[in-house]
Amino acid sequence: MNRRDLIAVALGLAAHRFLTPGVATAGAYGADPSAYPFALGVASGEPSSDGFVLWTRIPDLAADAEVGFEIAEDDGFRRIVRRGRAVARQTRGGAVHLEAAGLEPGRSYAYRFHHGGAVSPMGRTATLPTAPERLRLALTSCQHWEHGWFSAYADMIAAAPAAVLQVGDYIYEKSFGQGPDVRAFGAAQPMTLADYRARHALYRTDPNLAAAHAAMPFIVTWDDHEVENDYGGDTAGVTADPAAFLRRRAAAYQAYFEHMPLRPSALRRDGGVRLYRRFVFGDLATVHVLDTRQHRTAGPCPAADHLGGRILDDCSTVLNPAASMLGQAQEDWLRDSLARDGATWSVLAQQTLFSRLVLPNGPEARYSDIWDGYPASRERVLTALAQKPNPVILSGDVHSFWVNDVLGDFARPDQPPIATEFVTSCLASRNGPESLFGQAKALNPHVRHLDNRRAGYVLLDFDRARLTADLRAVDDLTDPNSACRSAGRFAVEAGRPGARPVQVAD
């Protein structure tokens, strides 16, 4: 797909209800769709009690451009509370990252952008309440463009969570697996900044994803496929030439920042992106967002002929106490952040399976790319979590639904759990490898639930007494209008880590 094709697809967004009506919207550009500057839509993120970040991107700018914005209390923009101008920087691909502050806590706002006589789709977002009694969040990861339609987002929009936690694999850099594809990338694997920009722009033409970004704030972090499969830190997962990998990673990092509603300060001078941070929902819940890719130390027992993750059976260095999934600076930050967390629920939002996964290969076998490859780092995180009354870990990556008791010592399943882990399945992709997960529930007594057949997301409801997790599964990934329904509900009572199943009504 060339750029004109992408924008023509994006103009299909004009049919959905988040577009602002009027002659200056996308519909006015039917004769020349490439001229519409807001074809990639709008988004919001980084919510706080007095503000948020608003995002849009105007592709193919020859120079920096001014973009007008309005924030209002109503959809008709009759009660405008902020208006002004922001800069779309040519060196940042025309991206706008507008930080809004000084707004009222716990209320919804409409927003839109203006440029060259055009008005963007309308978005809605909200500030965080300072004293909530209830909180709803959505957990999602792993959306492969080719493997399925993103219809789960329609169900998510209807559920109206306060925020979406997107914990990685927002884009995929490659095709893989056997099965019916519903659409194609239409391009080779991205390697350059232009390539990664095009891949992100392609994703933003999906109407359900665009509508979700316009409807609610996203809190994002990445995993590996935003760069390449199974990379970690400065160690490639695929690219054989170390210098070529670092160039590829730098391009991928910049493109990711350019397309996400992140604070401008998130992009670091060295080209990295600061993604570990926390979000405070009064004293009800604190969400600590982690980055388990960028800062991790080199994986244990590397093989010259296999750069990515693999099963390790006889690897003494896997127990190296200096090895870290998070890096020392992030570990220090997390320990301090948890110590200052006084909320009822302490939540870690992170990328991949945290709990121990005993494999059919034997009791000492480990898959190196998940937390099992860094057990000392996991123990340090568990020590900090054990000080909190209601710790919860939210994970993704493994393309299957899991509910796990998180134990202080996974070799002693008779112990009471320290925390509960909920793992979301892929939003749209093929399920996890049966060779790894087929016997997982039988071999791991701390696994309370495992569904490696369905795709979807997890809806999480918090109150003072309990957390309820609804595993929302898509009926058919090949149907762009597929329904989503509950594939299981589990509750965690405050003060009692460990999940129990609850009745599913639908």
Protein backbone atom coordinates (compact mmCIF):
# COMPACT_ATOMS: atom_id res chain seq x y z
CA MET A 1 0.00 0.00 0.00
CA ASN A 2 1.33 3.43 -0.91
CA ARG A 3 0.62 6.57 1.04
CA ARG A 4 -2.39 7.55 -1.06
CA ASP A 5 -3.91 4.10 -0.49
CA LEU A 6 -3.35 4.39 3.27
CA ILE A 7 -5.03 7.76 3.47
CA ALA A 8 -7.94 6.60 1.33
CA VAL A 9 -8.50 3.78 3.82
CA ALA A 10 -8.20 6.19 6.72
CA LEU A 11 -10.94 8.34 5.29
CA GLY A 12 -13.30 5.48 6.04
CA LEU A 13 -13.10 6.76 9.60
CA ALA A 14 -15.47 9.53 8.52
CA ALA A 15 -18.35 7.12 9.03
CA HIS A 16 -17.82 6.65 12.74
CA ARG A 17 -19.28 8.86 15.40
CA PHE A 18 -16.05 10.34 16.71
CA LEU A 19 -15.60 12.63 13.72
CA THR A 20 -16.62 16.26 14.15
CA PRO A 21 -19.26 17.10 11.55
CA GLY A 22 -18.71 19.99 9.17
CA VAL A 23 -17.23 20.86 5.79
CA ALA A 24 -13.66 20.93 7.11
CA THR A 25 -13.59 17.24 8.15
CA ALA A 26 -12.23 14.34 6.12
CA GLY A 27 -15.33 14.21 3.96
CA ALA A 28 -14.41 17.50 2.34
CA TYR A 29 -11.28 15.92 0.87
CA GLY A 30 -12.91 13.25 -1.26
CA ALA A 31 -11.40 14.67 -4.44
CA ASP A 32 -7.90 14.71 -2.97
CA PRO A 33 -7.73 12.44 0.11
CA SER A 34 -3.96 12.86 0.43
CA ALA A 35 -4.54 16.52 1.38
CA TYR A 36 -6.43 15.72 4.60
CA PRO A 37 -3.88 16.34 7.36
CA PHE A 38 -5.54 14.27 10.11
CA ALA A 39 -5.96 10.94 8.33
CA LEU A 40 -4.05 9.19 11.14
CA GLY A 41 -6.62 10.31 13.70
CA VAL A 42 -6.21 11.57 17.26
CA ALA A 43 -5.32 10.00 20.58
CA SER A 44 -4.86 10.81 24.25
CA GLY A 45 -2.78 9.35 27.05
CA GLU A 46 -0.75 9.99 30.20
CA PRO A 47 -3.84 10.93 32.23
CA SER A 48 -3.37 12.70 35.55
CA SER A 49 -5.75 14.40 37.97
CA ASP A 50 -5.36 17.74 36.18
CA GLY A 51 -4.52 16.86 32.58
CA PHE A 52 -3.41 14.49 29.85
CA VAL A 53 -1.45 14.36 26.60
CA LEU A 54 -3.22 14.89 23.28
CA TRP A 55 -1.74 13.46 20.08
CA THR A 56 -2.08 13.72 16.35
CA ARG A 57 0.33 13.42 13.44
CA ILE A 58 0.45 15.25 10.12
CA PRO A 59 2.58 13.17 7.72
CA ASP A 60 4.97 14.44 5.05
CA LEU A 61 5.58 17.93 6.41
CA ALA A 62 8.35 19.84 4.62
CA ALA A 63 8.86 22.05 7.69
CA ASP A 64 7.49 22.57 11.19
CA ALA A 65 3.83 23.57 11.20
CA GLU A 66 1.47 25.16 13.69
CA VAL A 67 -1.58 23.16 14.70
CA GLY A 68 -4.50 24.68 16.56
CA PHE A 69 -6.28 22.80 19.35
CA GLU A 70 -9.45 23.08 21.41
CA ILE A 71 -10.43 21.30 24.61
CA ALA A 72 -14.08 21.55 25.64
CA GLU A 73 -16.50 20.30 28.26
CA ASP A 74 -19.03 19.32 25.58
CA ASP A 75 -19.02 17.58 22.20
CA GLY A 76 -20.36 20.69 20.48
CA PHE A 77 -17.38 22.77 21.67
CA ARG A 78 -19.64 25.46 23.10
CA ARG A 79 -17.85 25.36 26.48
CA ILE A 80 -14.20 25.53 25.48
CA VAL A 81 -11.79 25.47 28.44
CA ARG A 82 -8.49 25.52 26.51
CA ARG A 83 -7.48 26.62 23.05
CA GLY A 84 -4.14 27.46 21.54
CA ARG A 85 -1.47 26.33 19.13
CA ALA A 86 1.04 23.50 19.16
CA VAL A 87 3.90 22.62 16.83
CA ALA A 88 3.99 19.58 14.54
CA ARG A 89 7.72 19.03 14.12
CA GLN A 90 9.02 17.87 10.78
CA THR A 91 11.91 16.04 12.48
CA ARG A 92 9.35 14.08 14.51
CA GLY A 93 7.34 13.00 11.51
CA GLY A 94 4.77 15.76 12.02
CA ALA A 95 3.76 14.42 15.44
CA VAL A 96 2.09 16.62 18.04
CA HIS A 97 2.39 15.75 21.74
CA LEU A 98 0.38 18.39 23.57
CA GLU A 99 0.50 18.41 27.38
CA ALA A 100 -2.70 19.82 28.86
CA ALA A 101 -2.71 20.76 32.57
CA GLY A 102 -4.71 22.75 35.10
CA LEU A 103 -8.01 21.00 34.33
CA GLU A 104 -10.60 19.67 36.77
CA PRO A 105 -10.05 16.18 38.17
CA GLY A 106 -12.32 13.28 37.35
CA ARG A 107 -14.13 14.71 34.36
CA SER A 108 -14.44 14.03 30.65
CA TYR A 109 -13.31 16.43 27.93
CA ALA A 110 -13.69 16.63 24.15
CA TYR A 111 -10.79 17.80 21.99
CA ARG A 112 -9.88 18.43 18.37
CA PHE A 113 -7.10 19.90 16.25
CA HIS A 114 -7.10 22.36 13.32
CA HIS A 115 -4.63 22.81 10.48
CA GLY A 116 -4.86 24.51 7.09
CA GLY A 117 -8.62 24.91 7.27
CA ALA A 118 -9.16 21.27 8.26
CA VAL A 119 -10.51 19.96 11.54
CA SER A 120 -9.46 16.63 13.01
CA PRO A 121 -11.73 13.84 14.21
CA MET A 122 -13.08 14.65 17.65
CA GLY A 123 -11.58 12.77 20.57
CA ARG A 124 -12.75 12.24 24.12
CA THR A 125 -10.54 11.77 27.14
CA ALA A 126 -10.66 12.36 30.89
CA THR A 127 -8.63 13.44 33.88
CA LEU A 128 -8.17 11.03 36.75
CA PRO A 129 -10.44 11.31 39.79
CA THR A 130 -8.77 12.11 43.08
CA ALA A 131 -11.00 9.91 45.26
CA PRO A 132 -12.63 7.18 43.17
CA GLU A 133 -14.59 4.36 44.78
CA ARG A 134 -14.58 2.32 41.57
CA LEU A 135 -12.22 2.00 38.64
CA ARG A 136 -12.45 0.18 35.32
CA LEU A 137 -9.35 -0.51 33.17
CA ALA A 138 -8.82 -2.54 30.01
CA LEU A 139 -5.69 -4.66 29.44
CA THR A 140 -4.57 -5.45 25.90
CA SER A 141 -1.52 -6.53 23.89
CA CYS A 142 -0.40 -8.30 20.71
CA GLN A 143 -2.36 -7.00 17.73
CA HIS A 144 -1.12 -8.48 14.45
CA TRP A 145 -2.42 -6.63 11.40
CA GLU A 146 -2.55 -9.71 9.20
CA HIS A 147 -3.92 -12.29 11.64
CA GLY A 148 -7.24 -10.73 12.59
CA TRP A 149 -9.53 -7.75 12.66
CA PHE A 150 -9.32 -5.46 15.68
CA SER A 151 -13.02 -5.87 16.47
CA ALA A 152 -12.36 -6.32 20.20
CA TYR A 153 -11.90 -2.55 20.43
CA ALA A 154 -15.61 -2.05 19.68
CA ASP A 155 -16.44 -4.12 22.77
CA MET A 156 -13.86 -2.16 24.75
CA ILE A 157 -15.33 1.19 23.72
CA ALA A 158 -18.78 0.00 24.83
CA ALA A 159 -17.33 -1.02 28.21
CA ALA A 160 -15.98 2.54 28.68
CA PRO A 161 -12.88 1.93 30.82
CA ALA A 162 -11.14 4.90 32.42
CA ALA A 163 -7.99 3.95 30.48
CA VAL A 164 -6.57 1.25 28.23
CA LEU A 165 -3.35 -0.43 29.36
CA GLN A 166 -1.56 -1.47 26.14
CA VAL A 167 1.39 -3.58 27.30
CA GLY A 168 3.20 -4.25 24.08
CA ASP A 169 3.33 -5.61 20.55
CA TYR A 170 1.22 -2.68 19.39
CA ILE A 171 2.62 -3.31 15.91
CA TYR A 172 4.26 -6.38 14.42
CA GLU A 173 7.34 -6.07 12.29
CA LYS A 174 6.96 -9.42 10.53
CA SER A 175 4.57 -11.99 9.16
CA PHE A 176 4.57 -15.42 10.80
CA GLY A 177 2.60 -18.62 11.30
CA GLN A 178 0.20 -20.62 9.20
CA GLY A 179 -3.45 -19.75 8.93
CA PRO A 180 -5.93 -17.48 7.17
CA ASP A 181 -4.77 -13.86 7.02
CA VAL A 182 -7.46 -11.20 6.80
CA ARG A 183 -5.19 -8.55 5.25
CA ALA A 184 -1.53 -7.97 4.38
CA PHE A 185 1.19 -5.57 5.43
CA GLY A 186 1.94 -4.94 1.77
CA ALA A 187 5.57 -4.19 2.58
CA ALA A 188 8.75 -5.89 3.71
CA GLN A 189 9.88 -5.86 7.33
CA PRO A 190 10.63 -2.30 8.51
CA MET A 191 14.29 -1.39 8.92
CA THR A 192 14.44 2.41 8.60
CA LEU A 193 12.62 5.26 10.28
CA ALA A 194 10.48 5.72 7.16
CA ASP A 195 9.61 2.00 7.23
CA TYR A 196 8.52 2.03 10.87
CA ARG A 197 6.54 5.24 10.37
CA ALA A 198 4.68 3.57 7.51
CA ARG A 199 3.92 0.47 9.63
CA HIS A 200 2.51 2.58 12.48
CA ALA A 201 0.53 4.70 10.00
CA LEU A 202 -0.93 1.53 8.49
CA TYR A 203 -2.16 0.44 11.93
CA ARG A 204 -3.84 3.81 12.48
CA THR A 205 -6.02 3.19 9.42
CA ASP A 206 -7.83 0.37 11.24
CA PRO A 207 -11.20 1.95 12.10
CA ASN A 208 -11.67 0.11 15.41
CA LEU A 209 -8.19 1.02 16.65
CA ALA A 210 -8.65 4.63 15.53
CA ALA A 211 -12.03 4.80 17.25
CA ALA A 212 -10.57 3.39 20.47
CA HIS A 213 -7.82 5.99 20.52
CA ALA A 214 -10.41 8.70 19.95
CA ALA A 215 -12.72 7.39 22.66
CA MET A 216 -10.44 6.88 25.69
CA PRO A 217 -6.90 7.47 26.96
CA PHE A 218 -4.22 4.84 26.31
CA ILE A 219 -1.41 4.10 28.78
CA VAL A 220 1.24 2.38 26.69
CA THR A 221 4.45 0.43 26.98
CA TRP A 222 6.21 -1.72 24.40
CA ASP A 223 7.43 -5.27 24.04
CA ASP A 224 9.68 -6.75 21.33
CA HIS A 225 7.76 -6.63 18.04
CA GLU A 226 7.79 -2.84 18.02
CA VAL A 227 11.46 -3.41 17.06
CA GLU A 228 12.17 -7.08 16.28
CA ASN A 229 11.29 -10.43 17.81
CA ASP A 230 12.96 -11.38 21.12
CA TYR A 231 15.45 -8.53 21.31
CA GLY A 232 16.52 -7.33 24.75
CA GLY A 233 18.41 -4.14 25.58
CA ASP A 234 21.17 -3.72 23.01
CA THR A 235 21.12 -7.42 22.09
CA ALA A 236 19.38 -8.34 18.84
CA GLY A 237 16.84 -11.09 18.55
CA VAL A 238 17.17 -11.46 14.79
CA THR A 239 19.60 -8.98 13.22
CA ALA A 240 23.05 -10.55 13.05
CA ASP A 241 25.06 -7.33 12.67
CA PRO A 242 25.13 -5.48 16.05
CA ALA A 243 25.57 -2.06 14.43
CA ALA A 244 22.69 -2.69 12.03
CA PHE A 245 20.49 -3.76 14.95
CA LEU A 246 21.20 -0.56 16.89
CA ARG A 247 20.28 1.50 13.82
CA ARG A 248 17.08 -0.48 13.46
CA ARG A 249 16.23 -0.12 17.14
CA ALA A 250 16.81 3.66 17.05
CA ALA A 251 14.46 3.99 14.08
CA ALA A 252 11.82 1.84 15.77
CA TYR A 253 12.05 3.73 19.05
CA GLN A 254 11.60 7.11 17.39
CA ALA A 255 8.65 5.91 15.29
CA TYR A 256 6.99 4.43 18.38
CA PHE A 257 7.34 7.72 20.25
CA GLU A 258 6.02 9.66 17.26
CA HIS A 259 2.81 7.61 17.16
CA MET A 260 1.98 7.29 20.86
CA PRO A 261 0.31 9.83 23.19
CA LEU A 262 3.40 10.19 25.37
CA ARG A 263 4.83 13.24 27.08
CA PRO A 264 7.47 15.04 24.97
CA SER A 265 9.98 14.42 27.77
CA ALA A 266 9.59 10.64 27.28
CA LEU A 267 11.96 10.78 24.30
CA ARG A 268 15.47 10.86 25.76
CA ARG A 269 18.55 12.56 24.34
CA ASP A 270 20.16 9.18 23.73
CA GLY A 271 17.22 8.03 21.58
CA GLY A 272 15.64 5.88 24.28
CA VAL A 273 12.07 6.33 25.49
CA ARG A 274 11.25 6.55 29.21
CA LEU A 275 8.27 4.22 29.64
CA TYR A 276 8.44 3.19 33.29
CA ARG A 277 6.16 5.50 35.27
CA ARG A 278 3.12 5.35 37.52
CA PHE A 279 -0.51 6.48 37.41
CA VAL A 280 -2.39 7.26 40.62
CA PHE A 281 -6.15 6.69 40.84
CA GLY A 282 -6.59 8.32 44.24
CA ASP A 283 -6.01 5.88 47.08
CA LEU A 284 -7.93 3.13 45.27
CA ALA A 285 -5.24 1.94 42.82
CA THR A 286 -1.77 2.82 41.62
CA VAL A 287 -0.60 1.43 38.28
CA HIS A 288 3.17 1.04 37.96
CA VAL A 289 4.01 0.66 34.26
CA LEU A 290 7.20 -1.26 33.47
CA ASP A 291 9.53 -1.67 30.48
CA THR A 292 11.01 -5.17 30.36
CA ARG A 293 12.70 -4.77 26.95
CA GLN A 294 14.81 -1.64 26.73
CA HIS A 295 16.85 -2.00 29.91
CA ARG A 296 17.19 -5.75 30.46
CA THR A 297 20.64 -7.30 30.67
CA ALA A 298 21.78 -9.83 28.09
CA GLY A 299 19.91 -13.12 28.22
CA PRO A 300 21.40 -16.20 29.88
CA CYS A 301 23.53 -18.74 27.97
CA PRO A 302 23.42 -17.04 24.56
CA ALA A 303 23.87 -19.25 21.50
CA ALA A 304 25.86 -18.13 18.49
CA ASP A 305 23.33 -19.71 16.13
CA HIS A 306 20.19 -18.49 17.93
CA LEU A 307 19.82 -14.85 18.89
CA GLY A 308 16.29 -14.91 20.28
CA GLY A 309 14.47 -16.64 23.11
CA ARG A 310 14.89 -20.39 23.52
CA ILE A 311 14.41 -23.20 25.99
CA LEU A 312 17.34 -23.55 28.41
CA ASP A 313 17.89 -26.83 30.23
CA ASP A 314 21.44 -26.76 31.59
CA CYS A 315 22.29 -23.09 32.10
CA SER A 316 23.90 -22.05 35.37
CA THR A 317 24.05 -18.35 34.42
CA VAL A 318 20.26 -18.15 34.50
CA LEU A 319 20.65 -17.79 38.28
CA ASN A 320 23.08 -14.86 37.97
CA PRO A 321 21.99 -12.41 40.72
CA ALA A 322 23.18 -9.44 38.64
CA ALA A 323 20.90 -10.28 35.73
CA SER A 324 17.90 -7.97 35.48
CA MET A 325 14.72 -7.88 33.44
CA LEU A 326 14.33 -4.19 34.27
CA GLY A 327 17.85 -2.79 34.64
CA GLN A 328 19.17 -1.39 37.89
CA ALA A 329 17.71 2.12 37.51
CA GLN A 330 14.22 0.80 36.85
CA GLU A 331 14.45 -1.74 39.68
CA ASP A 332 15.42 1.09 42.06
CA TRP A 333 12.56 3.21 40.76
CA LEU A 334 10.04 0.39 41.19
CA ARG A 335 11.14 -0.39 44.72
CA ASP A 336 10.78 3.30 45.66
CA SER A 337 7.49 3.67 43.80
CA LEU A 338 5.99 0.67 45.58
CA ALA A 339 7.25 1.92 48.95
CA ARG A 340 5.39 5.21 48.39
CA ASP A 341 2.25 3.50 47.08
CA GLY A 342 -0.51 3.77 49.69
CA ALA A 343 -3.38 2.61 47.48
CA THR A 344 -5.68 -0.31 48.18
CA TRP A 345 -4.51 -2.02 44.96
CA SER A 346 -0.88 -1.96 43.79
CA VAL A 347 -0.80 -2.89 40.12
CA LEU A 348 2.17 -3.73 37.88
CA ALA A 349 1.43 -3.40 34.16
CA GLN A 350 4.18 -5.13 32.22
CA GLN A 351 4.92 -7.18 29.16
CA THR A 352 5.25 -10.92 29.61
CA LEU A 353 4.49 -13.94 31.79
CA PHE A 354 5.75 -13.22 35.31
CA SER A 355 4.95 -16.50 37.06
CA ARG A 356 7.14 -19.60 36.86
CA LEU A 357 6.45 -21.81 33.86
CA VAL A 358 7.62 -25.38 34.30
CA LEU A 359 7.93 -26.90 30.81
CA PRO A 360 7.41 -30.43 29.50
CA ASN A 361 11.19 -30.52 28.85
CA GLY A 362 11.88 -30.99 32.57
CA PRO A 363 11.64 -29.23 35.94
CA GLU A 364 14.74 -27.10 35.36
CA ALA A 365 13.94 -26.11 31.78
CA ARG A 366 13.15 -22.44 31.26
CA TYR A 367 12.10 -20.27 28.37
CA SER A 368 14.73 -17.54 28.33
CA ASP A 369 12.71 -14.60 26.97
CA ILE A 370 10.16 -14.37 29.82
CA TRP A 371 10.74 -13.69 33.54
CA ASP A 372 11.93 -17.28 33.96
CA GLY A 373 15.11 -16.18 32.22
CA TYR A 374 15.69 -13.64 35.03
CA PRO A 375 14.62 -15.37 38.27
CA ALA A 376 16.82 -13.22 40.55
CA SER A 377 15.22 -10.09 39.14
CA ARG A 378 11.78 -11.61 39.71
CA GLU A 379 12.66 -12.40 43.33
CA ARG A 380 13.62 -8.79 43.96
CA VAL A 381 10.30 -7.60 42.53
CA LEU A 382 8.45 -10.17 44.64
CA THR A 383 10.21 -8.94 47.79
CA ALA A 384 8.92 -5.43 47.11
CA LEU A 385 5.41 -6.63 46.22
CA ALA A 386 5.17 -8.71 49.39
CA GLN A 387 5.05 -5.48 51.41
CA LYS A 388 1.80 -4.40 49.73
CA PRO A 389 -1.66 -5.60 50.88
CA ASN A 390 -3.16 -6.23 47.42
CA PRO A 391 -0.56 -6.59 44.66
CA VAL A 392 -1.71 -7.45 41.14
CA ILE A 393 0.42 -8.16 38.06
CA LEU A 394 -0.96 -7.54 34.57
CA SER A 395 0.84 -9.21 31.67
CA GLY A 396 0.61 -9.98 27.94
CA ASP A 397 2.87 -11.36 25.18
CA VAL A 398 2.01 -15.09 25.29
CA HIS A 399 -1.19 -14.97 23.16
CA SER A 400 -3.33 -16.77 25.72
CA PHE A 401 -5.40 -15.99 28.82
CA TRP A 402 -3.87 -16.94 32.18
CA VAL A 403 -4.86 -16.44 35.81
CA ASN A 404 -1.98 -17.28 38.17
CA ASP A 405 -1.27 -17.34 41.88
CA VAL A 406 2.08 -15.56 42.26
CA LEU A 407 4.10 -17.39 44.91
CA GLY A 408 7.13 -16.32 46.88
CA ASP A 409 8.61 -19.73 46.09
CA PHE A 410 7.09 -21.47 43.07
CA ALA A 411 8.64 -24.75 44.21
CA ARG A 412 6.25 -24.67 47.20
CA PRO A 413 2.71 -24.53 45.81
CA ASP A 414 1.29 -25.05 49.31
CA GLN A 415 2.27 -21.49 50.24
CA PRO A 416 -0.34 -18.72 50.15
CA PRO A 417 0.14 -16.45 47.13
CA ILE A 418 1.80 -13.06 47.36
CA ALA A 419 -0.05 -11.60 44.38
CA THR A 420 -2.38 -12.48 41.50
CA GLU A 421 -1.38 -12.35 37.84
CA PHE A 422 -3.83 -11.77 34.98
CA VAL A 423 -2.44 -12.33 31.49
CA THR A 424 -4.37 -11.07 28.50
CA SER A 425 -4.50 -13.06 25.30
CA CYS A 426 -3.60 -11.44 21.99
CA LEU A 427 -6.10 -8.86 20.82
CA ALA A 428 -5.67 -10.21 17.28
CA SER A 429 -3.13 -12.91 16.49
CA ARG A 430 -2.55 -16.65 16.53
CA ASN A 431 -2.48 -18.37 19.91
CA GLY A 432 0.63 -19.48 21.80
CA PRO A 433 2.66 -22.60 21.01
CA GLU A 434 0.93 -25.75 22.17
CA SER A 435 4.33 -27.37 22.76
CA LEU A 436 4.98 -24.89 25.58
CA PHE A 437 1.48 -24.36 26.96
CA GLY A 438 -0.33 -27.64 26.31
CA GLN A 439 0.68 -29.16 29.66
CA ALA A 440 1.25 -25.90 31.54
CA LYS A 441 -1.75 -26.15 33.85
CA ALA A 442 -0.91 -29.73 34.87
CA LEU A 443 2.77 -28.94 35.46
CA ASN A 444 2.20 -25.62 37.28
CA PRO A 445 -0.27 -25.86 40.17
CA HIS A 446 -0.19 -22.08 40.65
CA VAL A 447 -1.90 -21.67 37.24
CA ARG A 448 -5.58 -21.31 38.08
CA HIS A 449 -6.82 -20.80 34.52
CA LEU A 450 -5.33 -21.14 31.02
CA ASP A 451 -7.09 -20.58 27.69
CA ASN A 452 -4.83 -20.94 24.66
CA ARG A 453 -7.69 -21.06 22.14
CA ARG A 454 -9.11 -17.55 22.08
CA ALA A 455 -8.06 -13.96 21.47
CA GLY A 456 -9.33 -10.82 23.18
CA TYR A 457 -8.58 -8.56 26.13
CA VAL A 458 -9.21 -8.31 29.89
CA LEU A 459 -11.63 -5.90 31.54
CA LEU A 460 -10.71 -5.09 35.15
CA ASP A 461 -13.05 -3.59 37.75
CA PHE A 462 -11.63 -2.38 41.08
CA ASP A 463 -13.43 -1.29 44.21
CA ARG A 464 -12.48 -1.24 47.89
CA ALA A 465 -13.53 -4.84 48.47
CA ARG A 466 -12.49 -6.71 45.34
CA LEU A 467 -11.02 -6.80 41.88
CA THR A 468 -12.99 -8.56 39.14
CA ALA A 469 -11.35 -9.58 35.86
CA ASP A 470 -13.51 -10.40 32.84
CA LEU A 471 -11.66 -12.28 30.08
CA ARG A 472 -13.29 -10.89 26.94
CA ALA A 473 -12.90 -13.21 23.93
CA VAL A 474 -13.53 -12.45 20.26
CA ASP A 475 -15.90 -14.91 18.55
CA ASP A 476 -14.16 -14.82 15.16
CA LEU A 477 -10.98 -12.90 14.27
CA THR A 478 -11.81 -13.23 10.57
CA ASP A 479 -15.09 -11.33 11.02
CA PRO A 480 -14.55 -7.53 11.13
CA ASN A 481 -17.84 -7.17 13.03
CA SER A 482 -17.32 -10.07 15.42
CA ALA A 483 -18.92 -9.98 18.83
CA CYS A 484 -16.90 -10.27 22.02
CA ARG A 485 -18.11 -12.20 25.05
CA SER A 486 -16.89 -13.33 28.44
CA ALA A 487 -14.63 -16.38 28.45
CA GLY A 488 -14.38 -16.39 32.24
CA ARG A 489 -14.57 -14.08 35.23
CA PHE A 490 -12.35 -14.14 38.30
CA ALA A 491 -12.36 -12.13 41.51
CA VAL A 492 -9.68 -11.25 44.03
CA GLU A 493 -10.87 -10.19 47.46
CA ALA A 494 -9.02 -7.33 49.12
CA GLY A 495 -6.58 -8.70 51.68
CA ARG A 496 -6.68 -12.22 50.15
CA PRO A 497 -4.34 -12.63 47.15
CA GLY A 498 -5.42 -15.36 44.79
CA ALA A 499 -8.23 -15.44 42.25
CA ARG A 500 -11.46 -17.43 42.37
CA PRO A 501 -13.87 -17.99 39.46
CA VAL A 502 -17.19 -16.18 39.50
CA GLN A 503 -20.39 -16.89 37.59
CA VAL A 504 -20.46 -15.77 33.94
CA ALA A 505 -23.82 -14.30 33.07
CA ASP A 506 -23.39 -14.00 29.30
